[in-house]
Protein backbone atom coordinates (compact mmCIF):
# COMPACT_ATOMS: atom_id res chain seq x y z
CA MET A 1 141.46 -5.65 163.43
CA ASN A 2 139.11 -8.81 163.13
CA ARG A 3 135.71 -8.87 161.29
CA ARG A 4 133.69 -8.70 164.34
CA ASN A 5 135.39 -5.63 165.88
CA VAL A 6 135.11 -3.93 162.30
CA ALA A 7 131.32 -4.65 162.11
CA VAL A 8 130.56 -3.48 165.71
CA ASN A 9 132.64 -0.43 165.02
CA LEU A 10 130.38 0.39 162.05
CA MET A 11 127.29 0.40 164.21
CA THR A 12 125.82 3.82 165.09
CA GLY A 13 123.22 3.08 167.72
CA GLY A 14 121.61 0.80 170.16
CA GLY A 15 118.05 0.03 170.85
CA LEU A 16 116.95 -3.50 169.91
CA ILE A 17 119.86 -5.41 168.22
CA LEU A 18 119.26 -8.67 166.43
CA ASP A 19 122.31 -10.79 165.81
CA VAL A 20 121.17 -13.25 163.19
CA GLY A 21 123.70 -16.18 163.10
CA CYS A 22 125.16 -15.31 166.46
CA GLY A 23 126.99 -18.68 166.57
CA GLY A 24 128.78 -18.98 169.92
CA GLY A 25 128.04 -15.33 171.07
CA GLU A 26 131.33 -13.96 169.94
CA VAL A 27 129.92 -10.55 168.98
CA ARG A 28 127.65 -10.43 171.96
CA ASP A 29 130.27 -8.99 174.52
CA LEU A 30 131.62 -6.54 172.02
CA VAL A 31 128.02 -5.11 171.27
CA ARG A 32 127.00 -4.85 174.91
CA ALA A 33 130.32 -3.18 175.87
CA ARG A 34 129.73 -0.42 173.28
CA PHE A 35 125.98 -0.08 173.64
CA PRO A 36 125.41 -1.03 177.36
CA ASP A 37 121.91 0.39 177.34
CA SER A 38 120.81 -1.56 174.35
CA THR A 39 118.85 -4.84 174.02
CA TYR A 40 120.72 -7.55 172.46
CA ILE A 41 119.09 -10.70 170.98
CA GLY A 42 120.98 -13.51 169.41
CA LEU A 43 119.32 -15.78 166.88
CA GLU A 44 121.02 -19.10 165.72
CA PRO A 45 119.61 -21.37 163.07
CA ASP A 46 121.41 -24.32 164.37
CA PRO A 47 120.17 -25.19 168.08
CA GLU A 48 123.55 -26.88 168.79
CA TRP A 49 125.24 -23.46 168.35
CA ILE A 50 123.08 -21.47 170.58
CA PRO A 51 125.51 -19.78 173.20
CA GLU A 52 125.02 -20.12 176.94
CA PRO A 53 122.45 -17.57 178.23
CA VAL A 54 123.58 -14.28 179.62
CA GLU A 55 121.36 -12.06 181.74
CA GLY A 56 119.95 -9.45 179.56
CA ALA A 57 121.05 -10.91 176.27
CA PRO A 58 118.90 -13.93 175.30
CA SER A 59 119.63 -16.18 172.62
CA LEU A 60 116.98 -17.93 170.44
CA SER A 61 116.70 -20.80 167.82
CA GLY A 62 114.96 -19.79 164.63
CA SER A 63 115.17 -19.50 160.70
CA VAL A 64 116.44 -16.47 159.11
CA TYR A 65 113.74 -17.00 156.57
CA ASN A 66 110.96 -16.61 159.17
CA LEU A 67 112.22 -14.40 162.04
CA PRO A 68 110.08 -14.50 165.19
CA PHE A 69 109.83 -10.73 165.35
CA ALA A 70 107.05 -8.30 164.36
CA ASP A 71 107.30 -6.06 161.24
CA GLY A 72 109.40 -2.97 161.98
CA SER A 73 110.39 -4.03 165.47
CA VAL A 74 114.19 -4.11 165.39
CA ASP A 75 116.60 -1.13 165.41
CA THR A 76 119.91 -2.78 164.08
CA VAL A 77 120.47 -6.23 162.48
CA LEU A 78 123.77 -7.84 162.57
CA PHE A 79 124.02 -10.33 159.61
CA LEU A 80 127.75 -11.37 159.88
CA GLN A 81 129.41 -14.21 157.87
CA LEU A 82 126.10 -16.00 157.25
CA PHE A 83 125.20 -14.70 153.77
CA GLU A 84 127.58 -17.20 152.07
CA HIS A 85 126.25 -20.14 153.86
CA LEU A 86 122.61 -19.78 152.75
CA ASP A 87 120.70 -21.47 149.96
CA ARG A 88 118.38 -18.35 149.66
CA PRO A 89 120.39 -15.32 150.63
CA VAL A 90 118.12 -12.90 148.86
CA ASP A 91 115.06 -14.16 150.75
CA ALA A 92 117.12 -13.70 154.06
CA VAL A 93 117.88 -10.08 153.29
CA ARG A 94 114.09 -9.35 152.47
CA GLU A 95 113.09 -10.96 155.80
CA LEU A 96 115.53 -8.77 157.62
CA ASN A 97 114.12 -5.72 155.97
CA ARG A 98 110.74 -6.74 157.30
CA VAL A 99 111.80 -6.77 160.98
CA LEU A 100 113.76 -3.65 160.71
CA LYS A 101 112.19 -0.17 161.67
CA PRO A 102 112.16 2.56 158.85
CA GLY A 103 115.57 4.00 159.19
CA GLY A 104 116.94 0.90 160.85
CA GLU A 105 120.33 -0.38 159.93
CA ILE A 106 121.74 -3.65 158.71
CA ILE A 107 125.45 -4.64 159.31
CA LEU A 108 126.28 -7.19 156.71
CA SER A 109 129.68 -8.95 156.41
CA THR A 110 130.58 -11.65 153.92
CA VAL A 111 133.52 -13.10 152.00
CA SER A 112 134.33 -11.06 148.97
CA ALA A 113 134.14 -13.03 145.70
CA ALA A 114 136.82 -10.57 144.46
CA TYR A 115 139.45 -11.84 146.86
CA ALA A 116 142.50 -12.74 144.98
CA MET A 117 143.35 -15.90 146.84
CA ASN A 118 140.18 -17.42 145.28
CA TYR A 119 141.68 -17.36 141.91
CA VAL A 120 145.22 -18.49 143.29
CA SER A 121 143.55 -21.62 144.62
CA GLU A 122 141.74 -22.21 141.32
CA LEU A 123 145.14 -21.71 139.40
CA LYS A 124 146.87 -24.36 141.72
CA VAL A 125 144.15 -26.77 140.82
CA ARG A 126 144.47 -26.21 137.03
CA ILE A 127 148.32 -26.47 137.13
CA LYS A 128 148.18 -29.79 139.01
CA LYS A 129 145.63 -30.87 136.30
CA ALA A 130 147.80 -29.67 133.43
CA LEU A 131 150.80 -31.69 134.85
CA ARG A 132 148.57 -34.67 135.16
CA LYS A 133 149.19 -35.36 138.92
CA PRO A 134 146.96 -38.14 139.94
CA GLN A 135 145.10 -36.56 142.83
CA PRO A 136 141.52 -35.57 143.28
CA ARG A 137 140.33 -32.01 142.84
CA ILE A 138 140.77 -29.91 146.04
CA PRO A 139 137.91 -27.53 147.07
CA LEU A 140 138.83 -24.07 146.12
CA ILE A 141 138.35 -22.43 149.61
CA PHE A 142 136.97 -24.87 152.30
CA ASP A 143 136.10 -28.43 152.89
CA PRO A 144 132.53 -28.72 151.89
CA GLY A 145 132.00 -31.59 154.26
CA GLN A 146 132.55 -29.06 157.21
CA ASP A 147 129.11 -27.30 157.48
CA TYR A 148 130.23 -24.26 159.41
CA GLN A 149 132.86 -23.61 156.69
CA ARG A 150 130.86 -24.52 153.58
CA HIS A 151 130.32 -21.56 151.31
CA ILE A 152 127.43 -21.79 148.77
CA PHE A 153 127.50 -18.19 147.51
CA GLU A 154 130.11 -15.63 147.40
CA ILE A 155 129.47 -12.21 146.23
CA SER A 156 131.54 -9.09 145.19
CA PRO A 157 131.17 -5.79 147.17
CA ALA A 158 129.53 -4.25 144.05
CA CYS A 159 126.99 -6.91 144.16
CA VAL A 160 126.34 -6.59 147.92
CA HIS A 161 125.44 -2.93 147.12
CA THR A 162 123.17 -3.83 144.26
CA LEU A 163 121.39 -6.61 146.42
CA LEU A 164 120.71 -4.24 149.38
CA HIS A 165 119.64 -1.29 147.05
CA ILE A 166 116.99 -3.29 145.07
CA ASN A 167 115.74 -4.68 148.46
CA GLY A 168 115.00 -1.33 150.19
CA PHE A 169 118.30 -0.42 151.74
CA GLU A 170 120.58 2.73 151.17
CA PHE A 171 124.23 2.61 151.48
CA SER A 172 125.79 4.28 154.70
CA ASP A 173 129.38 3.19 155.08
CA ASP A 174 131.63 0.19 154.47
CA ALA A 175 134.98 -1.37 155.48
CA PHE A 176 137.19 -4.43 154.51
CA CYS A 177 138.84 -6.81 156.98
CA HIS A 178 142.45 -7.91 156.42
CA GLY A 179 145.74 -8.74 157.92
CA PHE A 180 147.86 -5.85 156.77
CA HIS A 181 149.99 -3.70 158.99
CA PRO A 182 148.12 -0.31 159.51
CA ALA A 183 151.10 1.64 157.93
CA ILE A 184 150.15 0.10 154.40
CA ASP A 185 146.45 -0.07 155.02
CA TRP A 186 145.68 2.90 153.07
CA LEU A 187 147.89 1.64 150.04
CA VAL A 188 146.15 -1.76 149.91
CA ARG A 189 142.65 -0.30 150.07
CA LEU A 190 143.60 2.10 147.19
CA ALA A 191 145.57 -0.07 144.93
CA ALA A 192 144.79 -3.58 145.79
CA PRO A 193 141.11 -4.17 146.98
CA PHE A 194 141.31 -7.74 145.75
CA ALA A 195 143.63 -8.41 148.55
CA MET A 196 140.71 -7.84 151.05
CA GLN A 197 138.99 -11.13 152.04
CA ILE A 198 136.00 -9.86 154.11
CA TYR A 199 133.64 -7.16 153.16
CA VAL A 200 131.44 -5.32 155.73
CA ILE A 201 128.86 -2.78 154.80
CA ARG A 202 126.33 -0.68 157.00
CA ALA A 203 123.06 0.20 155.12
CA LYS A 204 119.86 1.96 156.18
CA LYS A 205 116.26 0.72 155.55
CA VAL A 206 114.46 3.28 153.43
CA SER A 207 111.57 1.22 152.02
CA ALA A 208 110.15 -2.31 151.94
CA PRO A 209 111.52 -4.53 149.26
CA PRO A 210 109.54 -4.92 146.08
CA ARG A 211 107.16 -7.84 145.58
CA VAL A 212 109.08 -8.98 142.44
CA ILE A 213 112.60 -8.20 141.35
CA VAL A 214 112.96 -7.99 137.50
């Protein structure tokens, strides 16, 4: 199951759903199919990525650091595969907290820094260096020249929990995304969580974030 399906399956309710970083609108149809009575709004920081408008599901251009919504006005926030691309991800999470209603939910997905292939890529680079092969250093994960692929921050699942907890959220549920056969899914989750690339978490807003984190 891909990460979009996993994220939407973690959602528990409709109401006003804000999809921050909606991209081309790939999640929109999944959300509307599961919650047909909800109001879906997509928000995309890059105007060039705003999807074609669909009746009853508007898309806006705006900044995740300054969302065009009133305090406590949103029931559910989808924050999928955007965290790792931001220069101020903590500020973004705090702004998402602001627009969520008390008890509202955030569904966050991001690349897991514990993913084993990160270290395999690094090992390959070091082996080539040790063998003195005359070639430039290869980016560990993606080509940083591609904005839509560039990762600035990657974070472990444990740190995702900490980040949300200290900013006013309480853990509800989580899942990993992977390409393993369902027959061995349970074994991989139990014995090899480092084989999971994408981490998805659902958390509930229980308080506003503190003014200062120390």
